[in-house]
């Protein structure tokens, strides 16, 4: 099977899209997401990445950029779950809009809502259903007219919730424009056929089919003429493209090497196993943390006013426990004022963050703890802010003057950065430590990360290799 579109151009943007994907691990994560979406403090765009969106993003760079502008990009469907598993990423829960949007509707009872999409009489039926559920529908528009009219009409109604049911890629394009036109905090949801489902135009699959991931088959049987291209032809294209993506970043099964380069051990590898964000992976003994501090001091000529970043070679894995353990060891052993920047902090607390530091430097929002006692302390702050958009967070992390100001207040800054901001932060770091789980991290993934770090002139100090049997080739050990 051939793909007429240039895979070399498509795959980098698809990787960016997958790195931006907000996977929801469990029911607790889903509740946190719903809590955030119920009371948005800014305009939030929620989009969904399913098989159809993947195919469109592969061929349409502008659509991909619209998806990347979404504050929340959620995984939808069994196809994307299979894709993520093939790429050694945890798929998390299926967060399809057909199930999520009714939960959001229940949370917006009595509030101002705008809907756009589908045609009559189905639009009116959906509006009647939503009004019957207690929503204040302040704007309803079919969405098939000009985009300028659609954006201006919705913006003038000042809604708190906007449901767009126009289909891809139109709804994502309008959502991106609408986010800049609204003057008040609002939630904008790209809902696909959600209004048609509400109006009873298309029936939903029985619950048992949904549970086993075959709702797509039910929809295909109900609407073969409309959906056969998406599910039959599109399914074949999707499979081919995912395999191309996996092959490009796959395990080349190179000759195993016993060599391992580790900055946190005395040469003996650790025996713990890795799972996504597993606490046991980074449960390092204190003496190893002490050894890591000493080794970095030697490599970085002493220490003081430096930025150390921990970054996982395998996307989706966190290094928060390791970064925190190192920060505490460095503060305790060297009596340093250490700042730990991480997004893996208790979300219920109002942590200071880098964006506020960038916007109001005179207030010095991130303040060092224990300035007067001469003992080492760890101050914690968030790397990015949920109350700000992606672009604001990116700009703050990219701003060299922000990091310079923090270095004047802290002896050492320890960064735990997720994939979306990892390379941006790495460009500001004095040194980067790559965390590799050799049994599950593909050699090509490590190679790509090292190439990306080299492209931003990041200094790789070494690696923490977590397994005895290394599947990484010797050439990569030399680079690490």
Protein backbone atom coordinates (compact mmCIF):
# COMPACT_ATOMS: atom_id res chain seq x y z
CA UNK A 1 0.00 0.00 0.00
CA UNK A 2 1.33 3.41 -0.90
CA UNK A 3 0.65 6.75 0.69
CA UNK A 4 0.63 9.63 -1.79
CA UNK A 5 1.49 12.07 0.97
CA UNK A 6 5.03 12.62 2.10
CA UNK A 7 5.55 10.54 5.25
CA UNK A 8 8.79 12.34 6.03
CA UNK A 9 6.86 15.60 6.42
CA UNK A 10 3.87 14.05 8.20
CA UNK A 11 5.57 11.99 10.89
CA UNK A 12 7.23 14.86 12.80
CA UNK A 13 3.93 16.70 13.22
CA UNK A 14 2.14 13.48 14.21
CA UNK A 15 4.78 12.93 16.90
CA UNK A 16 4.15 16.46 18.18
CA UNK A 17 0.45 15.67 18.26
CA UNK A 18 1.00 12.47 20.22
CA UNK A 19 3.28 14.28 22.67
CA UNK A 20 0.52 16.86 23.25
CA UNK A 21 -2.10 14.18 23.89
CA UNK A 22 -3.63 14.37 27.38
CA UNK A 23 -4.02 10.75 28.39
CA UNK A 24 -6.27 10.26 31.40
CA UNK A 25 -4.91 7.34 33.39
CA UNK A 26 -7.83 6.47 35.65
CA UNK A 27 -11.17 7.58 37.09
CA UNK A 28 -9.40 9.94 39.48
CA UNK A 29 -7.76 11.70 36.55
CA UNK A 30 -11.12 11.90 34.79
CA UNK A 31 -12.67 13.57 37.84
CA UNK A 32 -9.84 16.11 37.95
CA UNK A 33 -10.36 16.88 34.27
CA UNK A 34 -14.10 17.33 34.73
CA UNK A 35 -13.51 19.62 37.71
CA UNK A 36 -11.21 21.76 35.57
CA UNK A 37 -13.66 21.92 32.68
CA UNK A 38 -16.65 22.78 34.91
CA UNK A 39 -15.10 26.04 36.09
CA UNK A 40 -12.66 27.27 33.43
CA UNK A 41 -10.53 30.22 34.52
CA UNK A 42 -9.70 31.01 30.91
CA UNK A 43 -10.96 29.96 27.49
CA UNK A 44 -10.27 26.24 27.11
CA UNK A 45 -10.60 24.35 23.83
CA UNK A 46 -11.17 20.59 24.13
CA UNK A 47 -10.51 18.45 21.06
CA UNK A 48 -10.37 14.72 20.45
CA UNK A 49 -7.75 12.68 18.63
CA UNK A 50 -9.29 9.63 17.01
CA UNK A 51 -8.42 7.58 13.96
CA UNK A 52 -10.10 10.05 11.59
CA UNK A 53 -8.33 13.03 13.18
CA UNK A 54 -5.01 11.17 12.95
CA UNK A 55 -5.51 10.63 9.21
CA UNK A 56 -6.53 14.25 8.65
CA UNK A 57 -3.53 15.54 10.61
CA UNK A 58 -1.26 13.30 8.54
CA UNK A 59 -2.32 15.04 5.34
CA UNK A 60 -3.36 18.50 6.60
CA UNK A 61 -0.71 20.48 8.46
CA UNK A 62 -3.13 23.35 9.21
CA UNK A 63 -5.59 20.98 10.90
CA UNK A 64 -2.75 19.52 12.95
CA UNK A 65 -1.82 23.01 14.15
CA UNK A 66 -5.44 23.67 15.14
CA UNK A 67 -5.39 20.49 17.24
CA UNK A 68 -2.11 21.54 18.83
CA UNK A 69 -3.70 24.84 19.88
CA UNK A 70 -6.26 22.95 21.98
CA UNK A 71 -5.65 23.23 25.71
CA UNK A 72 -6.94 19.68 26.14
CA UNK A 73 -6.44 17.02 23.47
CA UNK A 74 -8.03 13.72 24.51
CA UNK A 75 -7.63 10.19 23.19
CA UNK A 76 -10.74 8.85 21.47
CA UNK A 77 -11.31 5.31 20.25
CA UNK A 78 -9.75 1.87 20.07
CA UNK A 79 -7.69 2.78 17.01
CA UNK A 80 -5.72 5.40 18.90
CA UNK A 81 -5.39 3.07 21.88
CA UNK A 82 -3.79 0.46 19.61
CA UNK A 83 -1.55 3.14 18.07
CA UNK A 84 -0.27 4.29 21.46
CA UNK A 85 0.35 0.73 22.64
CA UNK A 86 2.31 -0.01 19.46
CA UNK A 87 4.43 3.06 20.21
CA UNK A 88 4.98 1.82 23.80
CA UNK A 89 2.79 4.53 25.30
CA UNK A 90 0.01 4.11 27.83
CA UNK A 91 -3.35 4.87 26.14
CA UNK A 92 -5.25 5.69 29.33
CA UNK A 93 -9.04 5.87 29.38
CA UNK A 94 -11.15 6.30 26.27
CA UNK A 95 -12.27 9.94 26.53
CA UNK A 96 -14.63 10.14 23.54
CA UNK A 97 -16.75 13.25 23.22
CA UNK A 98 -20.03 11.36 22.86
CA UNK A 99 -19.69 10.24 26.49
CA UNK A 100 -17.83 13.26 27.90
CA UNK A 101 -20.03 16.04 26.52
CA UNK A 102 -23.25 14.88 28.28
CA UNK A 103 -21.31 14.94 31.56
CA UNK A 104 -20.25 18.51 30.82
CA UNK A 105 -23.82 19.44 29.90
CA UNK A 106 -24.97 18.25 33.34
CA UNK A 107 -22.31 20.49 34.92
CA UNK A 108 -23.49 23.59 33.01
CA UNK A 109 -27.15 23.53 34.05
CA UNK A 110 -28.46 27.10 34.31
CA UNK A 111 -25.47 28.56 32.49
CA UNK A 112 -25.11 30.25 29.10
CA UNK A 113 -24.49 27.79 26.26
CA UNK A 114 -23.99 28.17 22.50
CA UNK A 115 -24.34 25.32 20.00
CA UNK A 116 -23.29 25.26 16.36
CA UNK A 117 -23.54 22.52 13.79
CA UNK A 118 -25.82 20.07 11.94
CA UNK A 119 -28.91 21.28 10.04
CA UNK A 120 -32.61 21.59 10.66
CA UNK A 121 -34.70 20.07 12.09
CA UNK A 122 -31.96 18.30 14.03
CA UNK A 123 -30.38 21.48 15.37
CA UNK A 124 -33.70 22.58 16.85
CA UNK A 125 -34.29 19.15 18.37
CA UNK A 126 -30.86 19.23 20.02
CA UNK A 127 -31.57 22.73 21.36
CA UNK A 128 -34.91 21.58 22.80
CA UNK A 129 -33.22 18.62 24.48
CA UNK A 130 -30.54 20.84 26.03
CA UNK A 131 -33.10 23.38 27.24
CA UNK A 132 -35.09 20.55 28.76
CA UNK A 133 -31.96 19.59 30.71
CA UNK A 134 -31.77 23.09 32.19
CA UNK A 135 -29.24 24.85 29.94
CA UNK A 136 -29.67 28.48 28.90
CA UNK A 137 -29.17 28.28 25.12
CA UNK A 138 -28.14 31.81 24.15
CA UNK A 139 -27.07 31.00 20.59
CA UNK A 140 -27.80 28.24 18.08
CA UNK A 141 -26.42 28.32 14.56
CA UNK A 142 -26.19 25.66 11.87
CA UNK A 143 -22.49 26.31 11.29
CA UNK A 144 -22.66 25.85 7.51
CA UNK A 145 -22.40 29.55 6.70
CA UNK A 146 -19.29 31.67 6.68
CA UNK A 147 -16.76 31.17 9.45
CA UNK A 148 -16.61 34.90 10.22
CA UNK A 149 -20.37 34.96 10.82
CA UNK A 150 -20.19 31.88 13.01
CA UNK A 151 -17.38 33.23 15.19
CA UNK A 152 -18.88 36.72 15.57
CA UNK A 153 -22.38 35.39 16.35
CA UNK A 154 -21.15 33.05 19.07
CA UNK A 155 -18.77 35.62 20.56
CA UNK A 156 -21.54 38.21 20.76
CA UNK A 157 -23.70 35.81 22.81
CA UNK A 158 -20.98 35.57 25.52
CA UNK A 159 -21.51 31.86 26.29
CA UNK A 160 -19.84 29.92 29.08
CA UNK A 161 -19.97 26.67 27.10
CA UNK A 162 -19.73 26.27 23.33
CA UNK A 163 -20.55 22.94 21.67
CA UNK A 164 -19.35 22.70 18.07
CA UNK A 165 -20.82 19.84 16.06
CA UNK A 166 -19.60 20.63 12.56
CA UNK A 167 -17.21 17.77 11.97
CA UNK A 168 -13.48 17.84 11.31
CA UNK A 169 -11.57 19.92 10.31
CA UNK A 170 -14.04 22.84 10.24
CA UNK A 171 -14.98 22.79 13.93
CA UNK A 172 -11.32 22.75 15.06
CA UNK A 173 -10.53 25.71 12.81
CA UNK A 174 -13.50 27.70 14.15
CA UNK A 175 -12.66 26.73 17.75
CA UNK A 176 -9.14 28.10 17.36
CA UNK A 177 -10.51 31.39 16.04
CA UNK A 178 -13.27 31.56 18.62
CA UNK A 179 -10.80 31.10 21.49
CA UNK A 180 -9.20 34.39 20.50
CA UNK A 181 -12.52 36.19 20.00
CA UNK A 182 -14.19 35.44 23.34
CA UNK A 183 -13.69 38.07 26.02
CA UNK A 184 -14.73 35.89 28.98
CA UNK A 185 -13.61 32.47 30.24
CA UNK A 186 -15.42 29.71 28.37
CA UNK A 187 -15.20 26.05 27.47
CA UNK A 188 -15.23 25.23 23.75
CA UNK A 189 -15.77 21.56 22.90
CA UNK A 190 -15.30 20.08 19.43
CA UNK A 191 -18.09 17.52 19.46
CA UNK A 192 -18.31 16.05 15.95
CA UNK A 193 -21.72 14.39 15.56
CA UNK A 194 -22.79 15.05 19.16
CA UNK A 195 -25.74 17.31 18.17
CA UNK A 196 -27.00 14.66 15.75
CA UNK A 197 -26.83 12.07 18.51
CA UNK A 198 -28.73 14.40 20.85
CA UNK A 199 -31.39 14.99 18.21
CA UNK A 200 -31.83 11.27 17.58
CA UNK A 201 -30.65 11.56 13.99
CA UNK A 202 -28.12 8.78 14.50
CA UNK A 203 -28.64 6.12 17.18
CA UNK A 204 -25.79 5.17 19.49
CA UNK A 205 -24.51 1.64 19.69
CA UNK A 206 -25.74 -0.60 22.50
CA UNK A 207 -23.72 -0.37 25.70
CA UNK A 208 -22.18 -3.83 25.26
CA UNK A 209 -20.76 -2.85 21.86
CA UNK A 210 -19.30 0.33 23.34
CA UNK A 211 -17.65 -1.65 26.13
CA UNK A 212 -15.80 -3.90 23.67
CA UNK A 213 -14.80 -0.99 21.43
CA UNK A 214 -17.02 -1.76 18.43
CA UNK A 215 -19.18 1.36 18.33
CA UNK A 216 -17.44 2.30 15.09
CA UNK A 217 -18.70 -0.92 13.46
CA UNK A 218 -22.25 -0.19 14.58
CA UNK A 219 -22.05 3.30 13.10
CA UNK A 220 -20.63 1.92 9.84
CA UNK A 221 -23.51 -0.57 9.53
CA UNK A 222 -26.04 2.20 10.21
CA UNK A 223 -24.48 4.75 7.84
CA UNK A 224 -22.46 2.80 5.25
CA UNK A 225 -22.67 5.37 2.46
CA UNK A 226 -21.46 8.24 4.66
CA UNK A 227 -18.85 6.41 6.74
CA UNK A 228 -17.35 3.67 4.56
CA UNK A 229 -14.53 5.90 3.37
CA UNK A 230 -13.67 6.95 6.93
CA UNK A 231 -13.74 3.49 8.47
CA UNK A 232 -12.84 1.14 5.59
CA UNK A 233 -10.43 3.13 3.44
CA UNK A 234 -9.41 5.34 6.35
CA UNK A 235 -8.85 2.31 8.56
CA UNK A 236 -6.38 0.85 6.09
CA UNK A 237 -4.57 4.17 5.77
CA UNK A 238 -4.48 4.55 9.53
CA UNK A 239 -2.97 1.09 10.04
CA UNK A 240 -0.32 1.71 7.39
CA UNK A 241 0.60 5.09 8.84
CA UNK A 242 0.81 3.83 12.41
CA UNK A 243 3.07 0.98 11.27
CA UNK A 244 5.26 3.49 9.42
CA UNK A 245 5.42 5.61 12.55
CA UNK A 246 6.27 2.62 14.72
CA UNK A 247 8.88 1.38 12.28
CA UNK A 248 10.51 4.79 12.12
CA UNK A 249 10.81 4.95 15.91
CA UNK A 250 10.91 1.22 16.52
CA UNK A 251 13.36 -1.09 18.14
CA UNK A 252 16.05 -1.94 15.61
CA UNK A 253 17.07 -4.94 17.72
CA UNK A 254 20.71 -4.07 17.64
CA UNK A 255 23.29 -6.21 19.38
CA UNK A 256 22.92 -6.02 23.15
CA UNK A 257 25.75 -4.43 25.02
CA UNK A 258 26.66 -5.01 28.63
CA UNK A 259 28.07 -1.49 28.94
CA UNK A 260 26.04 1.01 30.91
CA UNK A 261 26.80 4.61 31.73
CA UNK A 262 25.05 5.79 34.87
CA UNK A 263 25.55 9.00 36.80
CA UNK A 264 23.65 7.86 39.87
CA UNK A 265 25.33 4.57 40.71
CA UNK A 266 28.79 3.28 41.45
CA UNK A 267 28.71 1.22 38.28
CA UNK A 268 26.28 -1.46 39.39
CA UNK A 269 22.92 -1.34 37.64
CA UNK A 270 19.65 -1.18 39.53
CA UNK A 271 17.19 -4.06 39.57
CA UNK A 272 13.86 -2.24 39.79
CA UNK A 273 11.28 -2.47 37.02
CA UNK A 274 9.57 0.39 35.22
CA UNK A 275 5.97 1.25 34.66
CA UNK A 276 4.57 4.64 33.72
CA UNK A 277 5.23 7.04 36.59
CA UNK A 278 5.94 4.09 38.87
CA UNK A 279 7.24 5.15 42.27
CA UNK A 280 9.42 2.04 42.57
CA UNK A 281 11.43 2.98 39.49
CA UNK A 282 12.99 5.97 41.18
CA UNK A 283 13.08 4.74 44.76
CA UNK A 284 16.82 5.30 44.95
CA UNK A 285 18.71 4.75 48.23
CA UNK A 286 20.07 7.87 49.88
CA UNK A 287 23.66 6.88 49.19
CA UNK A 288 22.95 6.77 45.46
CA UNK A 289 21.37 10.20 45.57
CA UNK A 290 24.43 11.42 47.45
CA UNK A 291 26.61 9.88 44.77
CA UNK A 292 24.61 11.60 42.06
CA UNK A 293 25.00 14.98 43.77
CA UNK A 294 28.75 14.47 44.13
CA UNK A 295 29.16 13.29 40.55
CA UNK A 296 27.27 16.27 39.16
CA UNK A 297 29.23 18.67 41.33
CA UNK A 298 32.41 17.27 39.84
CA UNK A 299 31.09 17.37 36.27
CA UNK A 300 29.67 20.87 36.61
CA UNK A 301 32.67 22.36 38.39
CA UNK A 302 31.28 22.65 41.88
CA UNK A 303 27.66 23.78 41.61
CA UNK A 304 25.79 26.88 42.62
CA UNK A 305 23.39 28.78 40.35
CA UNK A 306 22.85 25.91 37.96
CA UNK A 307 19.88 24.24 36.29
CA UNK A 308 19.69 20.44 36.21
CA UNK A 309 16.98 18.75 34.16
CA UNK A 310 15.80 15.16 34.34
CA UNK A 311 14.17 13.95 31.13
CA UNK A 312 12.77 10.52 30.23
CA UNK A 313 13.90 8.92 26.99
CA UNK A 314 10.55 7.19 26.59
CA UNK A 315 7.59 9.57 26.08
CA UNK A 316 4.89 9.31 28.67
CA UNK A 317 7.14 8.35 31.56
CA UNK A 318 7.55 10.69 34.47
CA UNK A 319 10.74 11.29 36.43
CA UNK A 320 9.17 13.34 39.20
CA UNK A 321 10.14 11.04 42.07
CA UNK A 322 13.75 10.94 40.92
CA UNK A 323 13.92 14.71 40.43
CA UNK A 324 12.45 15.34 43.87
CA UNK A 325 14.81 12.85 45.55
CA UNK A 326 17.79 14.51 43.89
CA UNK A 327 16.59 18.03 44.85
CA UNK A 328 16.21 17.00 48.50
CA UNK A 329 19.61 15.29 48.55
CA UNK A 330 21.33 18.30 46.99
CA UNK A 331 19.70 20.71 49.46
CA UNK A 332 20.51 18.51 52.45
CA UNK A 333 24.11 17.64 51.56
CA UNK A 334 25.25 20.99 50.15
CA UNK A 335 22.99 23.32 52.19
CA UNK A 336 21.68 24.76 48.97
CA UNK A 337 18.52 26.66 48.20
CA UNK A 338 17.00 24.38 45.55
CA UNK A 339 13.98 25.08 43.35
CA UNK A 340 12.08 22.03 42.03
CA UNK A 341 9.99 22.84 38.96
CA UNK A 342 7.47 20.11 38.18
CA UNK A 343 3.88 19.77 37.03
CA UNK A 344 3.46 16.61 39.10
CA UNK A 345 2.39 18.50 42.23
CA UNK A 346 -0.79 18.41 44.25
CA UNK A 347 -3.33 20.13 42.00
CA UNK A 348 -5.43 21.30 44.93
CA UNK A 349 -2.73 23.69 46.10
CA UNK A 350 -2.16 27.09 44.52
CA UNK A 351 1.49 26.58 43.62
CA UNK A 352 3.50 29.46 42.17
CA UNK A 353 4.48 28.85 38.57
CA UNK A 354 6.85 29.99 35.87
CA UNK A 355 4.19 31.87 33.90
CA UNK A 356 3.39 34.17 36.81
CA UNK A 357 7.10 34.72 37.29
CA UNK A 358 7.37 35.79 33.65
CA UNK A 359 4.34 38.07 33.72
CA UNK A 360 5.10 39.87 36.99
CA UNK A 361 8.81 39.61 37.72
CA UNK A 362 8.72 42.54 40.13
CA UNK A 363 6.61 40.48 42.54
CA UNK A 364 9.07 37.54 42.48
CA UNK A 365 6.22 35.00 42.69
CA UNK A 366 8.61 32.07 43.22
CA UNK A 367 10.27 32.87 46.53
CA UNK A 368 13.12 30.86 48.02
CA UNK A 369 12.34 29.05 51.27
CA UNK A 370 14.71 29.28 54.22
CA UNK A 371 16.61 32.36 53.07
CA UNK A 372 17.84 33.22 56.55
CA UNK A 373 18.62 29.94 58.28
CA UNK A 374 21.61 28.85 56.20
CA UNK A 375 20.19 25.35 55.81
CA UNK A 376 19.31 23.76 52.52
CA UNK A 377 15.66 23.93 51.55
CA UNK A 378 13.63 22.76 48.56
CA UNK A 379 11.08 25.19 47.15
CA UNK A 380 8.49 23.66 44.85
CA UNK A 381 6.71 25.37 41.97
CA UNK A 382 4.87 24.36 38.82
CA UNK A 383 6.65 24.49 35.49
CA UNK A 384 3.44 25.38 33.65
CA UNK A 385 0.03 26.71 34.62
CA UNK A 386 -3.37 25.16 33.89
CA UNK A 387 -4.82 28.66 34.09
CA UNK A 388 -2.76 29.77 31.10
CA UNK A 389 -2.74 28.60 27.51
CA UNK A 390 -0.09 26.50 25.85
CA UNK A 391 1.50 29.51 24.15
CA UNK A 392 1.86 31.47 27.40
CA UNK A 393 3.49 28.52 29.14
CA UNK A 394 5.81 27.92 26.20
CA UNK A 395 6.85 31.58 26.11
CA UNK A 396 7.63 31.57 29.86
CA UNK A 397 9.78 28.44 29.62
CA UNK A 398 11.57 29.86 26.58
CA UNK A 399 12.33 33.21 28.28
CA UNK A 400 16.01 33.28 29.28
CA UNK A 401 15.52 36.27 31.57
CA UNK A 402 13.05 34.29 33.71
CA UNK A 403 15.64 31.58 34.30
CA UNK A 404 18.31 34.18 34.96
CA UNK A 405 16.13 35.78 37.63
CA UNK A 406 15.51 32.43 39.31
CA UNK A 407 19.23 31.62 39.32
CA UNK A 408 19.82 34.77 41.33
CA UNK A 409 17.46 33.50 44.03
CA UNK A 410 18.38 29.80 44.05
CA UNK A 411 21.64 27.89 44.12
CA UNK A 412 20.20 25.13 41.99
CA UNK A 413 17.09 24.60 39.89
CA UNK A 414 15.89 21.04 39.27
CA UNK A 415 13.48 20.59 36.36
CA UNK A 416 11.05 17.73 35.78
CA UNK A 417 9.62 18.51 32.34
CA UNK A 418 7.05 16.49 30.43
CA UNK A 419 7.45 16.00 26.64
CA UNK A 420 5.51 19.12 25.61
CA UNK A 421 8.01 21.44 27.32
CA UNK A 422 10.99 19.15 27.91
CA UNK A 423 13.16 20.34 25.04
CA UNK A 424 12.30 23.99 25.63
CA UNK A 425 13.43 23.71 29.24
CA UNK A 426 16.49 21.67 28.23
CA UNK A 427 17.76 24.58 26.16
CA UNK A 428 17.98 26.63 29.40
CA UNK A 429 19.51 23.87 31.53
CA UNK A 430 23.15 23.78 32.60
CA UNK A 431 22.96 20.02 32.18
CA UNK A 432 20.47 17.30 31.29
CA UNK A 433 20.29 13.78 32.72
CA UNK A 434 18.57 11.24 30.45
CA UNK A 435 16.60 8.51 32.24
CA UNK A 436 16.52 5.27 30.24
CA UNK A 437 14.66 2.04 30.97
CA UNK A 438 16.58 -0.22 28.61
CA UNK A 439 14.11 -3.08 28.48
CA UNK A 440 11.21 -0.97 27.25
CA UNK A 441 12.86 2.07 25.67
CA UNK A 442 13.66 1.61 22.01
CA UNK A 443 17.13 2.52 20.83
CA UNK A 444 15.71 4.83 18.16
CA UNK A 445 13.75 6.75 20.82
CA UNK A 446 16.95 7.41 22.76
CA UNK A 447 18.76 8.38 19.57
CA UNK A 448 16.00 10.81 18.59
CA UNK A 449 15.97 12.40 22.04
CA UNK A 450 19.74 12.87 21.95
CA UNK A 451 19.48 14.40 18.47
CA UNK A 452 16.73 16.74 19.68
CA UNK A 453 18.80 17.74 22.71
CA UNK A 454 21.80 18.40 20.47
CA UNK A 455 19.60 20.57 18.24
CA UNK A 456 18.84 22.90 21.17
CA UNK A 457 22.49 22.83 22.33
CA UNK A 458 21.61 21.03 25.57
CA UNK A 459 24.50 19.55 27.54
CA UNK A 460 23.86 15.88 28.30
CA UNK A 461 25.71 15.01 31.51
CA UNK A 462 24.93 11.31 31.40
CA UNK A 463 22.19 8.79 31.88
CA UNK A 464 20.45 6.87 34.60
CA UNK A 465 20.10 3.39 33.16
CA UNK A 466 17.62 1.39 35.13
CA UNK A 467 18.18 -2.19 33.96
CA UNK A 468 21.02 -4.69 33.99
CA UNK A 469 20.34 -6.03 30.50
CA UNK A 470 20.78 -3.14 28.15
CA UNK A 471 19.34 -3.36 24.65
CA UNK A 472 20.99 -0.09 23.73
CA UNK A 473 23.86 -0.26 21.25
CA UNK A 474 27.34 0.72 22.38
CA UNK A 475 27.29 3.80 20.17
CA UNK A 476 24.43 5.21 22.23
CA UNK A 477 26.26 4.53 25.47
CA UNK A 478 29.17 6.52 24.06
CA UNK A 479 26.85 9.43 23.32
CA UNK A 480 25.28 9.24 26.76
